[in-house]
Amino acid sequence: MPRKRMFWLHVKKSAGMSTRALLRPYYTEVDRGIKPKTFIQASPDEYNDILNNYRVVLGDYQFKRCLFAKTYLYPDWEDIYSFAFSREPVDRCISMFRYLYWKDVGVIGRLLRSFKKGLASRRVFTTSYAFDVFLDHVREARSSASIYEPLGLVFTTHTAPMWDDVTDYDGKILLTQIFRLEAMVEGINKVFRECGIDHSIEHSGVRINASRKDWTYAPTRRQIGIIEEIYPKDFELYEAAGRSCPSKI
């Protein structure tokens, strides 16, 4: 069977490192950090990993990566097996919070300033309060005209909704398949079959969301309601992925 080209859209905080490891050597990786490649200097087999690098700015297509790929990178887009993994939105949001809270990308400074205000008003600086501040920043990022506000490109891209990246301007989903993150192994094996790749992976040794084992946070009902307001379409994607592709394929 002729091999069909694959395309994987990396949705931030959805097991990107694990997915890359499982797709090797059929997914071509490039330097994404020290000297990131750009499309003009790359070969077509490197386009996918370049597009998955948040440091590569796409202008008006910044949060329309599938549409960018279809429009500018792959004239044979309809013949490509394109896929992504949908993480349960509340779980993904907690992962964003953990990553961006402990990584110094500007969030710490803002939280410290909020902490000082909290002291002045006798508010208690708790994890719940920090999560409230985080959600305020996420909402601000969604309404900002700049991809660098309020806390820089790392924050804006890592908290971006999945929906925008997988659809065109009419709301049509551009990917061949969206799998739930918990169905990663089954999903990748299906991709391999569809692409004519004589290889499969086993569940043993595959760790998804390992970082959550030593740290977690349970949002309040009010906070979950805010997450639902910010990411309504992502909840739809996750539910649809469960209906169209259950965890056992």
Protein backbone atom coordinates (compact mmCIF):
# COMPACT_ATOMS: atom_id res chain seq x y z
CA MET A 1 0.00 0.00 0.00
CA PRO A 2 1.51 3.40 -0.95
CA ARG A 3 2.33 5.53 2.06
CA LYS A 4 -0.02 8.46 2.56
CA ARG A 5 1.45 11.65 3.98
CA MET A 6 0.50 12.47 7.56
CA PHE A 7 0.06 15.83 9.25
CA TRP A 8 -0.14 16.23 13.02
CA LEU A 9 -1.31 19.48 14.58
CA HIS A 10 0.24 19.94 18.01
CA VAL A 11 -2.27 21.54 20.36
CA LYS A 12 -0.29 23.00 23.24
CA LYS A 13 -0.46 21.20 26.58
CA SER A 14 -1.73 18.05 24.89
CA ALA A 15 1.21 15.65 25.23
CA GLY A 16 3.34 17.09 22.44
CA MET A 17 6.60 15.49 23.58
CA SER A 18 4.97 12.07 23.91
CA THR A 19 3.36 12.36 20.48
CA ARG A 20 6.60 13.31 18.77
CA ALA A 21 8.33 10.34 20.40
CA LEU A 22 5.62 7.92 19.27
CA LEU A 23 5.57 9.26 15.70
CA ARG A 24 9.32 8.86 15.17
CA PRO A 25 10.83 8.29 12.65
CA TYR A 26 7.82 9.06 10.47
CA TYR A 27 7.49 12.66 11.68
CA THR A 28 10.43 14.91 10.77
CA GLU A 29 11.65 17.14 13.59
CA VAL A 30 13.64 20.35 13.29
CA ASP A 31 15.31 22.69 15.77
CA ARG A 32 12.44 24.60 17.36
CA GLY A 33 14.37 26.51 20.02
CA ILE A 34 17.97 27.58 19.44
CA LYS A 35 17.93 28.26 15.70
CA PRO A 36 14.34 27.65 14.56
CA LYS A 37 13.91 27.01 10.85
CA THR A 38 11.49 28.97 8.72
CA PHE A 39 9.46 27.61 5.82
CA ILE A 40 11.50 29.34 3.12
CA GLN A 41 14.68 27.47 4.10
CA ALA A 42 13.03 24.11 4.78
CA SER A 43 12.08 21.04 2.78
CA PRO A 44 8.40 20.04 2.64
CA ASP A 45 8.87 17.16 5.09
CA GLU A 46 9.95 19.74 7.70
CA TYR A 47 6.94 22.03 7.29
CA ASN A 48 4.83 20.18 9.84
CA ASP A 49 7.23 20.58 12.74
CA ILE A 50 7.91 24.20 11.84
CA LEU A 51 4.19 24.93 11.88
CA ASN A 52 3.98 23.30 15.31
CA ASN A 53 6.58 25.73 16.66
CA TYR A 54 4.85 28.60 18.46
CA ARG A 55 7.89 30.82 17.81
CA VAL A 56 7.07 30.90 14.08
CA VAL A 57 4.67 33.82 13.69
CA LEU A 58 1.94 33.43 11.05
CA GLY A 59 0.38 36.89 10.96
CA ASP A 60 -3.37 36.72 10.44
CA TYR A 61 -3.12 32.92 10.50
CA GLN A 62 -1.48 32.78 13.94
CA PHE A 63 -4.39 30.82 15.38
CA LYS A 64 -5.53 29.29 12.07
CA ARG A 65 -2.69 26.85 11.58
CA CYS A 66 -4.63 24.20 9.66
CA LEU A 67 -5.97 26.84 7.31
CA PHE A 68 -2.41 28.18 6.87
CA ALA A 69 -1.18 24.66 6.09
CA LYS A 70 -3.95 24.07 3.57
CA THR A 71 -3.55 27.48 1.94
CA TYR A 72 0.22 27.85 1.77
CA LEU A 73 2.04 24.60 2.53
CA TYR A 74 0.19 21.61 1.13
CA PRO A 75 -1.55 21.91 -2.25
CA ASP A 76 -2.57 18.26 -1.79
CA TRP A 77 -4.14 18.92 1.63
CA GLU A 78 -7.24 16.84 0.90
CA ASP A 79 -5.05 13.80 0.25
CA ILE A 80 -3.15 14.12 3.54
CA TYR A 81 -4.19 12.22 6.67
CA SER A 82 -4.31 15.14 9.12
CA PHE A 83 -5.02 14.68 12.81
CA ALA A 84 -4.76 16.14 16.29
CA PHE A 85 -5.46 15.13 19.87
CA SER A 86 -8.14 16.85 21.92
CA ARG A 87 -7.53 17.10 25.65
CA GLU A 88 -10.46 17.58 28.00
CA PRO A 89 -10.57 21.40 28.23
CA VAL A 90 -10.65 21.74 32.03
CA ASP A 91 -7.75 19.31 32.34
CA ARG A 92 -5.85 21.15 29.61
CA CYS A 93 -6.48 24.48 31.35
CA ILE A 94 -5.09 23.13 34.63
CA SER A 95 -2.03 21.94 32.73
CA MET A 96 -1.63 25.40 31.18
CA PHE A 97 -1.84 26.94 34.64
CA ARG A 98 0.75 24.59 36.08
CA TYR A 99 3.16 25.12 33.18
CA LEU A 100 2.78 28.87 32.86
CA TYR A 101 2.57 29.50 36.60
CA TRP A 102 5.83 27.72 37.43
CA LYS A 103 7.62 28.78 34.23
CA ASP A 104 8.65 32.43 34.35
CA VAL A 105 7.00 33.83 31.23
CA GLY A 106 5.68 36.93 32.91
CA VAL A 107 2.91 35.31 34.88
CA ILE A 108 4.93 35.29 38.08
CA GLY A 109 5.46 39.05 37.99
CA ARG A 110 1.80 39.73 37.41
CA LEU A 111 0.83 37.36 40.19
CA LEU A 112 3.25 39.02 42.58
CA ARG A 113 1.75 42.41 41.80
CA SER A 114 -1.69 40.91 42.39
CA PHE A 115 -0.38 39.45 45.63
CA LYS A 116 0.67 42.90 46.84
CA LYS A 117 -2.77 44.24 46.00
CA GLY A 118 -4.26 41.29 47.82
CA LEU A 119 -2.22 42.11 50.93
CA ALA A 120 -3.45 45.68 50.81
CA SER A 121 -7.05 44.49 50.65
CA ARG A 122 -6.42 41.63 53.12
CA ARG A 123 -7.11 39.01 50.44
CA VAL A 124 -5.46 35.64 50.92
CA PHE A 125 -3.07 34.63 48.13
CA THR A 126 -4.08 31.02 47.55
CA THR A 127 -3.77 28.67 44.57
CA SER A 128 -7.45 29.34 43.87
CA TYR A 129 -6.81 33.07 43.80
CA ALA A 130 -3.79 32.53 41.50
CA PHE A 131 -5.98 30.45 39.18
CA ASP A 132 -8.52 33.29 39.09
CA VAL A 133 -5.76 35.70 38.06
CA PHE A 134 -4.59 33.19 35.45
CA LEU A 135 -8.08 32.93 33.95
CA ASP A 136 -8.33 36.72 33.85
CA HIS A 137 -5.12 36.77 31.80
CA VAL A 138 -6.43 34.08 29.47
CA ARG A 139 -9.58 36.09 28.79
CA GLU A 140 -7.46 39.18 28.23
CA ALA A 141 -5.28 37.28 25.74
CA ARG A 142 -8.36 36.15 23.82
CA SER A 143 -9.62 39.71 23.44
CA SER A 144 -6.26 41.37 22.80
CA ALA A 145 -5.44 42.69 19.33
CA SER A 146 -1.79 41.74 19.89
CA ILE A 147 -0.44 38.20 20.09
CA TYR A 148 2.11 39.52 22.61
CA GLU A 149 -0.38 40.82 25.16
CA PRO A 150 -0.91 40.49 28.05
CA LEU A 151 1.98 38.14 28.89
CA GLY A 152 3.86 37.41 25.68
CA LEU A 153 3.73 34.92 22.83
CA VAL A 154 4.34 31.85 25.01
CA PHE A 155 1.29 32.60 27.10
CA THR A 156 -0.94 33.55 24.18
CA THR A 157 -0.12 30.47 22.11
CA HIS A 158 -0.23 27.98 24.98
CA THR A 159 -3.67 29.17 26.07
CA ALA A 160 -5.15 29.44 22.57
CA PRO A 161 -8.36 27.50 21.88
CA MET A 162 -8.01 24.37 19.77
CA TRP A 163 -11.12 25.22 17.74
CA ASP A 164 -9.61 28.17 15.87
CA ASP A 165 -6.57 26.17 14.79
CA VAL A 166 -8.53 23.27 13.31
CA THR A 167 -11.23 25.18 11.43
CA ASP A 168 -11.56 27.59 8.53
CA TYR A 169 -13.38 30.92 8.75
CA ASP A 170 -16.73 29.19 8.18
CA GLY A 171 -16.20 26.83 11.10
CA LYS A 172 -15.45 23.79 8.95
CA ILE A 173 -13.09 21.32 10.61
CA LEU A 174 -10.09 20.86 8.32
CA LEU A 175 -8.55 17.77 9.92
CA THR A 176 -9.22 14.22 8.80
CA GLN A 177 -9.55 12.98 12.38
CA ILE A 178 -9.52 14.33 15.91
CA PHE A 179 -8.77 11.82 18.65
CA ARG A 180 -9.21 12.22 22.36
CA LEU A 181 -5.87 12.49 24.11
CA GLU A 182 -6.57 9.43 26.22
CA ALA A 183 -6.87 7.46 22.97
CA MET A 184 -3.39 8.49 21.84
CA VAL A 185 -2.00 4.99 21.31
CA GLU A 186 -5.06 3.77 19.42
CA GLY A 187 -5.14 7.00 17.44
CA ILE A 188 -1.52 6.83 16.34
CA ASN A 189 -1.89 3.19 15.36
CA LYS A 190 -4.88 4.17 13.22
CA VAL A 191 -2.82 6.94 11.61
CA PHE A 192 -0.08 4.43 10.81
CA ARG A 193 -2.61 2.05 9.23
CA GLU A 194 -4.24 4.81 7.19
CA CYS A 195 -0.84 5.99 5.98
CA GLY A 196 0.33 2.52 5.02
CA ILE A 197 3.03 2.44 7.70
CA ASP A 198 3.84 -1.10 8.82
CA HIS A 199 4.36 -0.24 12.46
CA SER A 200 2.34 -0.13 15.66
CA ILE A 201 2.92 0.92 19.24
CA GLU A 202 1.85 -0.68 22.50
CA HIS A 203 0.37 0.86 25.63
CA SER A 204 3.22 -0.33 27.81
CA GLY A 205 5.72 2.43 28.49
CA VAL A 206 3.50 5.21 27.15
CA ARG A 207 2.98 7.91 29.76
CA ILE A 208 0.45 10.64 29.12
CA ASN A 209 0.10 13.64 31.43
CA ALA A 210 2.83 12.28 33.70
CA SER A 211 3.42 15.78 35.09
CA ARG A 212 0.00 15.73 36.74
CA LYS A 213 0.98 12.92 39.13
CA ASP A 214 2.90 15.19 41.49
CA TRP A 215 0.76 18.33 41.17
CA THR A 216 -2.86 19.05 40.49
CA TYR A 217 -5.58 21.56 41.21
CA ALA A 218 -9.34 21.15 41.40
CA PRO A 219 -11.11 24.23 40.00
CA THR A 220 -14.24 25.49 41.69
CA ARG A 221 -17.57 25.29 39.88
CA ARG A 222 -17.36 29.00 39.19
CA GLN A 223 -13.91 28.60 37.63
CA ILE A 224 -15.09 25.67 35.50
CA GLY A 225 -17.90 27.93 34.30
CA ILE A 226 -15.32 30.52 33.22
CA ILE A 227 -13.34 27.84 31.37
CA GLU A 228 -16.54 26.81 29.58
CA GLU A 229 -17.09 30.44 28.56
CA ILE A 230 -13.53 30.76 27.20
CA TYR A 231 -13.37 27.40 25.40
CA PRO A 232 -16.97 26.47 24.41
CA LYS A 233 -16.04 25.00 21.03
CA ASP A 234 -13.16 22.99 22.52
CA PHE A 235 -15.68 21.17 24.70
CA GLU A 236 -17.64 20.37 21.54
CA LEU A 237 -14.51 19.04 19.84
CA TYR A 238 -13.74 16.81 22.80
CA GLU A 239 -17.26 15.40 22.94
CA ALA A 240 -17.34 14.83 19.18
CA ALA A 241 -13.96 13.09 19.29
CA GLY A 242 -15.32 10.66 21.86
CA ARG A 243 -18.35 9.86 19.72
CA SER A 244 -16.50 9.45 16.42
CA CYS A 245 -13.43 7.69 17.77
CA PRO A 246 -13.85 5.88 21.11
CA SER A 247 -10.83 4.97 23.20
CA LYS A 248 -10.70 1.49 21.72
CA ILE A 249 -10.40 1.63 17.92
